[in-house]
Amino acid sequence: MKFCEREIEMAQKLHALNLQWHPQAGNYVFDIKGIIEKSSPFQTGVYFILDIKHFLRRAGSPEAIKASMCWLPVWEDCRTLLKSLGVSWSQVENRLIENSAFQNDSERVVLYEMILERLQ
């Protein structure tokens, strides 16, 4: 999985707005504070939580993981978040089309923008 710089920047803004998430296996995260010593197999600072115990050993608690890492929601996470924020599928679809997101490979950027708009 590859996240563009814009996605990582936007995820950090979501983190600053206290986006609620629960660290669990299957999450992608950006290590803000550098608590993971090993280099990332994806890109600098981006990790996949395969085993939550490994991250808990490094951070100490789920709250410490949330404080030192920002969640990088994937497509399904974004859709679930937007739905919980009252955004309809047709609103998402229209925004993706308006921004030519599929042609530009920027679907997550558009979804992150929509989440930010709802949280601000």
N, C-alpha and C. Protein backbone atom coordinates (compact mmCIF):
# COMPACT_ATOMS: atom_id res chain seq x y z
N MET A 1 0.86 -1.17 0.00
CA MET A 1 0.00 0.00 0.00
C MET A 1 0.90 1.23 0.00
N LYS A 2 0.58 2.17 -0.82
CA LYS A 2 1.34 3.41 -0.92
C LYS A 2 0.41 4.58 -0.61
N PHE A 3 0.88 5.46 0.25
CA PHE A 3 0.15 6.67 0.60
C PHE A 3 0.95 7.86 0.08
N CYS A 4 0.28 8.78 -0.60
CA CYS A 4 0.98 9.96 -1.10
C CYS A 4 1.20 10.94 0.06
N GLU A 5 2.10 11.88 -0.15
CA GLU A 5 2.40 12.87 0.88
C GLU A 5 1.15 13.65 1.30
N ARG A 6 0.31 13.95 0.35
CA ARG A 6 -0.93 14.69 0.65
C ARG A 6 -1.82 13.88 1.60
N GLU A 7 -1.93 12.58 1.36
CA GLU A 7 -2.73 11.73 2.25
C GLU A 7 -2.14 11.71 3.66
N ILE A 8 -0.84 11.63 3.75
CA ILE A 8 -0.20 11.60 5.07
C ILE A 8 -0.41 12.94 5.78
N GLU A 9 -0.27 14.03 5.05
CA GLU A 9 -0.52 15.36 5.65
C GLU A 9 -1.96 15.48 6.13
N MET A 10 -2.89 15.03 5.31
CA MET A 10 -4.30 15.11 5.68
C MET A 10 -4.62 14.20 6.86
N ALA A 11 -4.01 13.02 6.90
CA ALA A 11 -4.21 12.11 8.02
C ALA A 11 -3.70 12.74 9.32
N GLN A 12 -2.61 13.49 9.23
CA GLN A 12 -2.10 14.18 10.41
C GLN A 12 -3.07 15.28 10.86
N LYS A 13 -3.74 15.92 9.91
CA LYS A 13 -4.77 16.91 10.28
C LYS A 13 -5.94 16.21 10.96
N LEU A 14 -6.34 15.05 10.44
CA LEU A 14 -7.40 14.28 11.09
C LEU A 14 -6.99 13.89 12.50
N HIS A 15 -5.73 13.50 12.65
CA HIS A 15 -5.19 13.14 13.96
C HIS A 15 -5.28 14.34 14.91
N ALA A 16 -4.90 15.53 14.41
CA ALA A 16 -4.94 16.75 15.22
C ALA A 16 -6.37 17.11 15.63
N LEU A 17 -7.34 16.71 14.81
CA LEU A 17 -8.75 16.94 15.13
C LEU A 17 -9.33 15.84 16.01
N ASN A 18 -8.45 14.95 16.48
CA ASN A 18 -8.84 13.84 17.37
C ASN A 18 -9.82 12.88 16.72
N LEU A 19 -9.57 12.54 15.47
CA LEU A 19 -10.38 11.51 14.81
C LEU A 19 -10.33 10.25 15.67
N GLN A 20 -11.49 9.75 16.00
CA GLN A 20 -11.57 8.57 16.85
C GLN A 20 -11.30 7.30 16.05
N TRP A 21 -10.39 6.49 16.56
CA TRP A 21 -10.09 5.18 15.97
C TRP A 21 -9.53 4.31 17.06
N HIS A 22 -9.60 3.02 16.83
CA HIS A 22 -9.11 2.05 17.80
C HIS A 22 -8.03 1.22 17.13
N PRO A 23 -6.76 1.40 17.55
CA PRO A 23 -5.67 0.64 16.92
C PRO A 23 -5.97 -0.85 16.93
N GLN A 24 -5.85 -1.44 15.75
CA GLN A 24 -6.12 -2.87 15.64
C GLN A 24 -5.40 -3.43 14.42
N ALA A 25 -5.27 -4.73 14.40
CA ALA A 25 -4.67 -5.40 13.24
C ALA A 25 -5.45 -5.01 12.00
N GLY A 26 -4.72 -4.71 10.93
CA GLY A 26 -5.35 -4.31 9.68
C GLY A 26 -5.28 -2.81 9.42
N ASN A 27 -4.87 -2.04 10.44
CA ASN A 27 -4.74 -0.59 10.26
C ASN A 27 -3.38 -0.24 9.68
N TYR A 28 -3.37 0.78 8.84
CA TYR A 28 -2.13 1.42 8.41
C TYR A 28 -1.97 2.65 9.28
N VAL A 29 -0.73 2.93 9.69
CA VAL A 29 -0.46 4.09 10.53
C VAL A 29 0.81 4.81 10.06
N PHE A 30 0.88 6.08 10.39
CA PHE A 30 2.08 6.86 10.16
C PHE A 30 2.68 7.15 11.53
N ASP A 31 3.92 6.75 11.72
CA ASP A 31 4.62 6.86 13.01
C ASP A 31 5.13 8.29 13.18
N ILE A 32 4.35 9.12 13.83
CA ILE A 32 4.68 10.54 14.02
C ILE A 32 5.93 10.71 14.89
N LYS A 33 5.99 9.94 15.96
CA LYS A 33 7.06 10.13 16.94
C LYS A 33 8.23 9.17 16.78
N GLY A 34 8.19 8.31 15.77
CA GLY A 34 9.31 7.41 15.52
C GLY A 34 9.53 6.35 16.57
N ILE A 35 8.45 5.75 17.06
CA ILE A 35 8.62 4.73 18.11
C ILE A 35 8.98 3.36 17.55
N ILE A 36 8.77 3.15 16.26
CA ILE A 36 9.13 1.87 15.64
C ILE A 36 10.54 2.01 15.07
N GLU A 37 11.44 1.19 15.57
CA GLU A 37 12.85 1.31 15.18
C GLU A 37 13.13 0.77 13.79
N LYS A 38 12.45 -0.28 13.41
CA LYS A 38 12.71 -0.90 12.11
C LYS A 38 12.21 0.00 10.99
N SER A 39 12.93 -0.04 9.87
CA SER A 39 12.47 0.74 8.73
C SER A 39 11.20 0.10 8.16
N SER A 40 10.41 0.93 7.55
CA SER A 40 9.13 0.48 7.01
C SER A 40 9.31 -0.27 5.69
N PRO A 41 8.57 -1.34 5.50
CA PRO A 41 8.62 -2.03 4.20
C PRO A 41 7.79 -1.30 3.14
N PHE A 42 7.03 -0.30 3.54
CA PHE A 42 6.16 0.42 2.62
C PHE A 42 6.82 1.72 2.16
N GLN A 43 6.90 2.66 3.06
CA GLN A 43 7.55 3.94 2.80
C GLN A 43 7.91 4.51 4.17
N THR A 44 8.75 5.49 4.20
CA THR A 44 9.24 6.01 5.47
C THR A 44 8.09 6.38 6.40
N GLY A 45 8.09 5.76 7.57
CA GLY A 45 7.12 6.09 8.61
C GLY A 45 5.77 5.41 8.51
N VAL A 46 5.49 4.71 7.44
CA VAL A 46 4.19 4.06 7.26
C VAL A 46 4.31 2.58 7.63
N TYR A 47 3.41 2.15 8.51
CA TYR A 47 3.42 0.76 8.98
C TYR A 47 2.03 0.16 8.90
N PHE A 48 2.00 -1.15 8.76
CA PHE A 48 0.76 -1.92 8.78
C PHE A 48 0.73 -2.67 10.10
N ILE A 49 -0.35 -2.55 10.83
CA ILE A 49 -0.46 -3.27 12.10
C ILE A 49 -0.94 -4.69 11.79
N LEU A 50 0.02 -5.59 11.78
CA LEU A 50 -0.29 -7.00 11.57
C LEU A 50 -0.57 -7.66 12.91
N ASP A 51 0.25 -7.30 13.90
CA ASP A 51 0.11 -7.84 15.25
C ASP A 51 0.10 -6.67 16.22
N ILE A 52 -1.05 -6.37 16.78
CA ILE A 52 -1.19 -5.22 17.69
C ILE A 52 -0.26 -5.33 18.89
N LYS A 53 0.07 -6.55 19.30
CA LYS A 53 0.95 -6.74 20.46
C LYS A 53 2.32 -6.10 20.24
N HIS A 54 2.82 -6.18 19.02
CA HIS A 54 4.11 -5.57 18.69
C HIS A 54 4.05 -4.06 18.92
N PHE A 55 3.00 -3.42 18.48
CA PHE A 55 2.86 -1.98 18.65
C PHE A 55 2.61 -1.61 20.11
N LEU A 56 1.89 -2.46 20.83
CA LEU A 56 1.67 -2.22 22.25
C LEU A 56 2.97 -2.32 23.04
N ARG A 57 3.86 -3.24 22.64
CA ARG A 57 5.16 -3.35 23.32
C ARG A 57 5.96 -2.07 23.12
N ARG A 58 5.87 -1.48 21.95
CA ARG A 58 6.63 -0.25 21.64
C ARG A 58 6.01 0.97 22.31
N ALA A 59 4.68 1.06 22.28
CA ALA A 59 4.01 2.26 22.77
C ALA A 59 3.57 2.15 24.23
N GLY A 60 3.15 0.97 24.64
CA GLY A 60 2.73 0.77 26.02
C GLY A 60 1.23 0.59 26.21
N SER A 61 0.43 1.28 25.39
CA SER A 61 -1.02 1.17 25.53
C SER A 61 -1.68 1.63 24.23
N PRO A 62 -2.95 1.27 24.05
CA PRO A 62 -3.64 1.76 22.85
C PRO A 62 -3.67 3.30 22.78
N GLU A 63 -3.81 3.94 23.94
CA GLU A 63 -3.83 5.40 23.98
C GLU A 63 -2.49 5.98 23.53
N ALA A 64 -1.40 5.33 23.92
CA ALA A 64 -0.07 5.79 23.51
C ALA A 64 0.15 5.56 22.02
N ILE A 65 -0.41 4.49 21.48
CA ILE A 65 -0.33 4.27 20.03
C ILE A 65 -1.04 5.42 19.33
N LYS A 66 -2.24 5.74 19.79
CA LYS A 66 -3.02 6.81 19.17
C LYS A 66 -2.33 8.16 19.30
N ALA A 67 -1.60 8.37 20.37
CA ALA A 67 -0.90 9.64 20.57
C ALA A 67 0.35 9.76 19.69
N SER A 68 1.00 8.65 19.43
CA SER A 68 2.27 8.70 18.70
C SER A 68 2.16 8.33 17.23
N MET A 69 1.00 7.87 16.82
CA MET A 69 0.81 7.47 15.42
C MET A 69 -0.50 8.03 14.91
N CYS A 70 -0.52 8.33 13.63
CA CYS A 70 -1.81 8.73 13.07
C CYS A 70 -2.28 7.63 12.13
N TRP A 71 -3.55 7.40 12.19
CA TRP A 71 -4.21 6.37 11.41
C TRP A 71 -4.29 6.83 9.96
N LEU A 72 -4.03 5.92 9.05
CA LEU A 72 -4.16 6.16 7.62
C LEU A 72 -5.34 5.32 7.13
N PRO A 73 -6.54 5.88 7.17
CA PRO A 73 -7.70 5.09 6.76
C PRO A 73 -7.62 4.67 5.29
N VAL A 74 -8.01 3.46 5.01
CA VAL A 74 -8.08 2.97 3.64
C VAL A 74 -9.52 3.22 3.14
N TRP A 75 -9.77 2.87 1.89
CA TRP A 75 -11.06 3.15 1.26
C TRP A 75 -12.24 2.74 2.14
N GLU A 76 -12.27 1.52 2.58
CA GLU A 76 -13.39 1.02 3.37
C GLU A 76 -13.53 1.79 4.68
N ASP A 77 -12.40 2.11 5.32
CA ASP A 77 -12.45 2.90 6.55
C ASP A 77 -13.08 4.27 6.28
N CYS A 78 -12.67 4.89 5.17
CA CYS A 78 -13.20 6.21 4.81
C CYS A 78 -14.70 6.15 4.58
N ARG A 79 -15.15 5.15 3.87
CA ARG A 79 -16.59 5.02 3.60
C ARG A 79 -17.37 4.83 4.89
N THR A 80 -16.85 4.01 5.79
CA THR A 80 -17.51 3.79 7.08
C THR A 80 -17.55 5.09 7.89
N LEU A 81 -16.43 5.81 7.91
CA LEU A 81 -16.39 7.09 8.63
C LEU A 81 -17.38 8.08 8.05
N LEU A 82 -17.35 8.23 6.73
CA LEU A 82 -18.25 9.19 6.08
C LEU A 82 -19.71 8.84 6.34
N LYS A 83 -20.03 7.57 6.27
CA LYS A 83 -21.41 7.15 6.55
C LYS A 83 -21.79 7.52 7.98
N SER A 84 -20.88 7.28 8.94
CA SER A 84 -21.18 7.61 10.33
C SER A 84 -21.29 9.12 10.55
N LEU A 85 -20.69 9.91 9.64
CA LEU A 85 -20.76 11.36 9.71
C LEU A 85 -21.94 11.93 8.91
N GLY A 86 -22.78 11.02 8.40
CA GLY A 86 -23.98 11.45 7.70
C GLY A 86 -23.81 11.78 6.23
N VAL A 87 -22.72 11.33 5.63
CA VAL A 87 -22.46 11.59 4.22
C VAL A 87 -23.01 10.41 3.41
N SER A 88 -23.85 10.72 2.44
CA SER A 88 -24.46 9.65 1.64
C SER A 88 -23.51 9.17 0.56
N TRP A 89 -23.81 7.96 0.07
CA TRP A 89 -23.00 7.41 -1.02
C TRP A 89 -23.08 8.31 -2.24
N SER A 90 -24.23 8.90 -2.53
CA SER A 90 -24.34 9.76 -3.71
C SER A 90 -23.49 11.01 -3.56
N GLN A 91 -23.36 11.54 -2.35
CA GLN A 91 -22.47 12.68 -2.13
C GLN A 91 -21.01 12.30 -2.39
N VAL A 92 -20.63 11.12 -1.92
CA VAL A 92 -19.27 10.63 -2.14
C VAL A 92 -19.03 10.43 -3.63
N GLU A 93 -19.96 9.75 -4.26
CA GLU A 93 -19.84 9.47 -5.69
C GLU A 93 -19.71 10.77 -6.50
N ASN A 94 -20.57 11.74 -6.20
CA ASN A 94 -20.53 13.02 -6.92
C ASN A 94 -19.19 13.72 -6.75
N ARG A 95 -18.67 13.71 -5.53
CA ARG A 95 -17.40 14.39 -5.26
C ARG A 95 -16.26 13.70 -5.99
N LEU A 96 -16.26 12.38 -5.97
CA LEU A 96 -15.22 11.63 -6.68
C LEU A 96 -15.25 11.94 -8.18
N ILE A 97 -16.44 12.00 -8.74
CA ILE A 97 -16.58 12.29 -10.17
C ILE A 97 -16.16 13.73 -10.46
N GLU A 98 -16.62 14.69 -9.64
CA GLU A 98 -16.28 16.10 -9.84
C GLU A 98 -14.77 16.32 -9.84
N ASN A 99 -14.07 15.56 -9.04
CA ASN A 99 -12.62 15.71 -8.90
C ASN A 99 -11.82 14.78 -9.80
N SER A 100 -12.52 14.05 -10.67
CA SER A 100 -11.87 13.07 -11.55
C SER A 100 -10.92 12.18 -10.74
N ALA A 101 -11.38 11.80 -9.57
CA ALA A 101 -10.54 11.07 -8.63
C ALA A 101 -10.06 9.73 -9.17
N PHE A 102 -10.92 9.04 -9.90
CA PHE A 102 -10.51 7.74 -10.42
C PHE A 102 -9.45 7.88 -11.50
N GLN A 103 -9.60 8.87 -12.34
CA GLN A 103 -8.62 9.11 -13.39
C GLN A 103 -7.29 9.61 -12.82
N ASN A 104 -7.36 10.35 -11.72
CA ASN A 104 -6.16 10.94 -11.12
C ASN A 104 -5.57 10.09 -10.00
N ASP A 105 -6.15 8.93 -9.75
CA ASP A 105 -5.70 8.08 -8.63
C ASP A 105 -5.68 8.84 -7.32
N SER A 106 -6.72 9.62 -7.08
CA SER A 106 -6.76 10.44 -5.87
C SER A 106 -8.01 10.19 -5.04
N GLU A 107 -8.56 8.99 -5.12
CA GLU A 107 -9.79 8.71 -4.39
C GLU A 107 -9.66 8.96 -2.89
N ARG A 108 -8.59 8.45 -2.28
CA ARG A 108 -8.44 8.62 -0.82
C ARG A 108 -8.25 10.08 -0.46
N VAL A 109 -7.56 10.84 -1.30
CA VAL A 109 -7.39 12.27 -1.02
C VAL A 109 -8.76 12.93 -0.93
N VAL A 110 -9.62 12.64 -1.88
CA VAL A 110 -10.97 13.22 -1.89
C VAL A 110 -11.75 12.75 -0.66
N LEU A 111 -11.65 11.48 -0.33
CA LEU A 111 -12.36 10.97 0.84
C LEU A 111 -11.83 11.60 2.12
N TYR A 112 -10.51 11.75 2.25
CA TYR A 112 -9.93 12.41 3.41
C TYR A 112 -10.43 13.86 3.49
N GLU A 113 -10.50 14.55 2.35
CA GLU A 113 -11.01 15.92 2.33
C GLU A 113 -12.43 15.98 2.87
N MET A 114 -13.25 15.04 2.45
CA MET A 114 -14.64 15.02 2.91
C MET A 114 -14.73 14.77 4.41
N ILE A 115 -13.89 13.90 4.91
CA ILE A 115 -13.88 13.64 6.35
C ILE A 115 -13.43 14.90 7.10
N LEU A 116 -12.37 15.53 6.61
CA LEU A 116 -11.90 16.77 7.25
C LEU A 116 -12.99 17.83 7.27
N GLU A 117 -13.70 17.99 6.19
CA GLU A 117 -14.78 18.98 6.12
C GLU A 117 -15.82 18.72 7.19
N ARG A 118 -16.14 17.45 7.41
CA ARG A 118 -17.16 17.11 8.41
C ARG A 118 -16.66 17.30 9.84
N LEU A 119 -15.37 17.14 10.06
CA LEU A 119 -14.83 17.24 11.42
C LEU A 119 -14.46 18.66 11.82
N GLN A 120 -14.29 19.54 10.85
CA GLN A 120 -13.86 20.91 11.17
C GLN A 120 -15.03 21.78 11.56
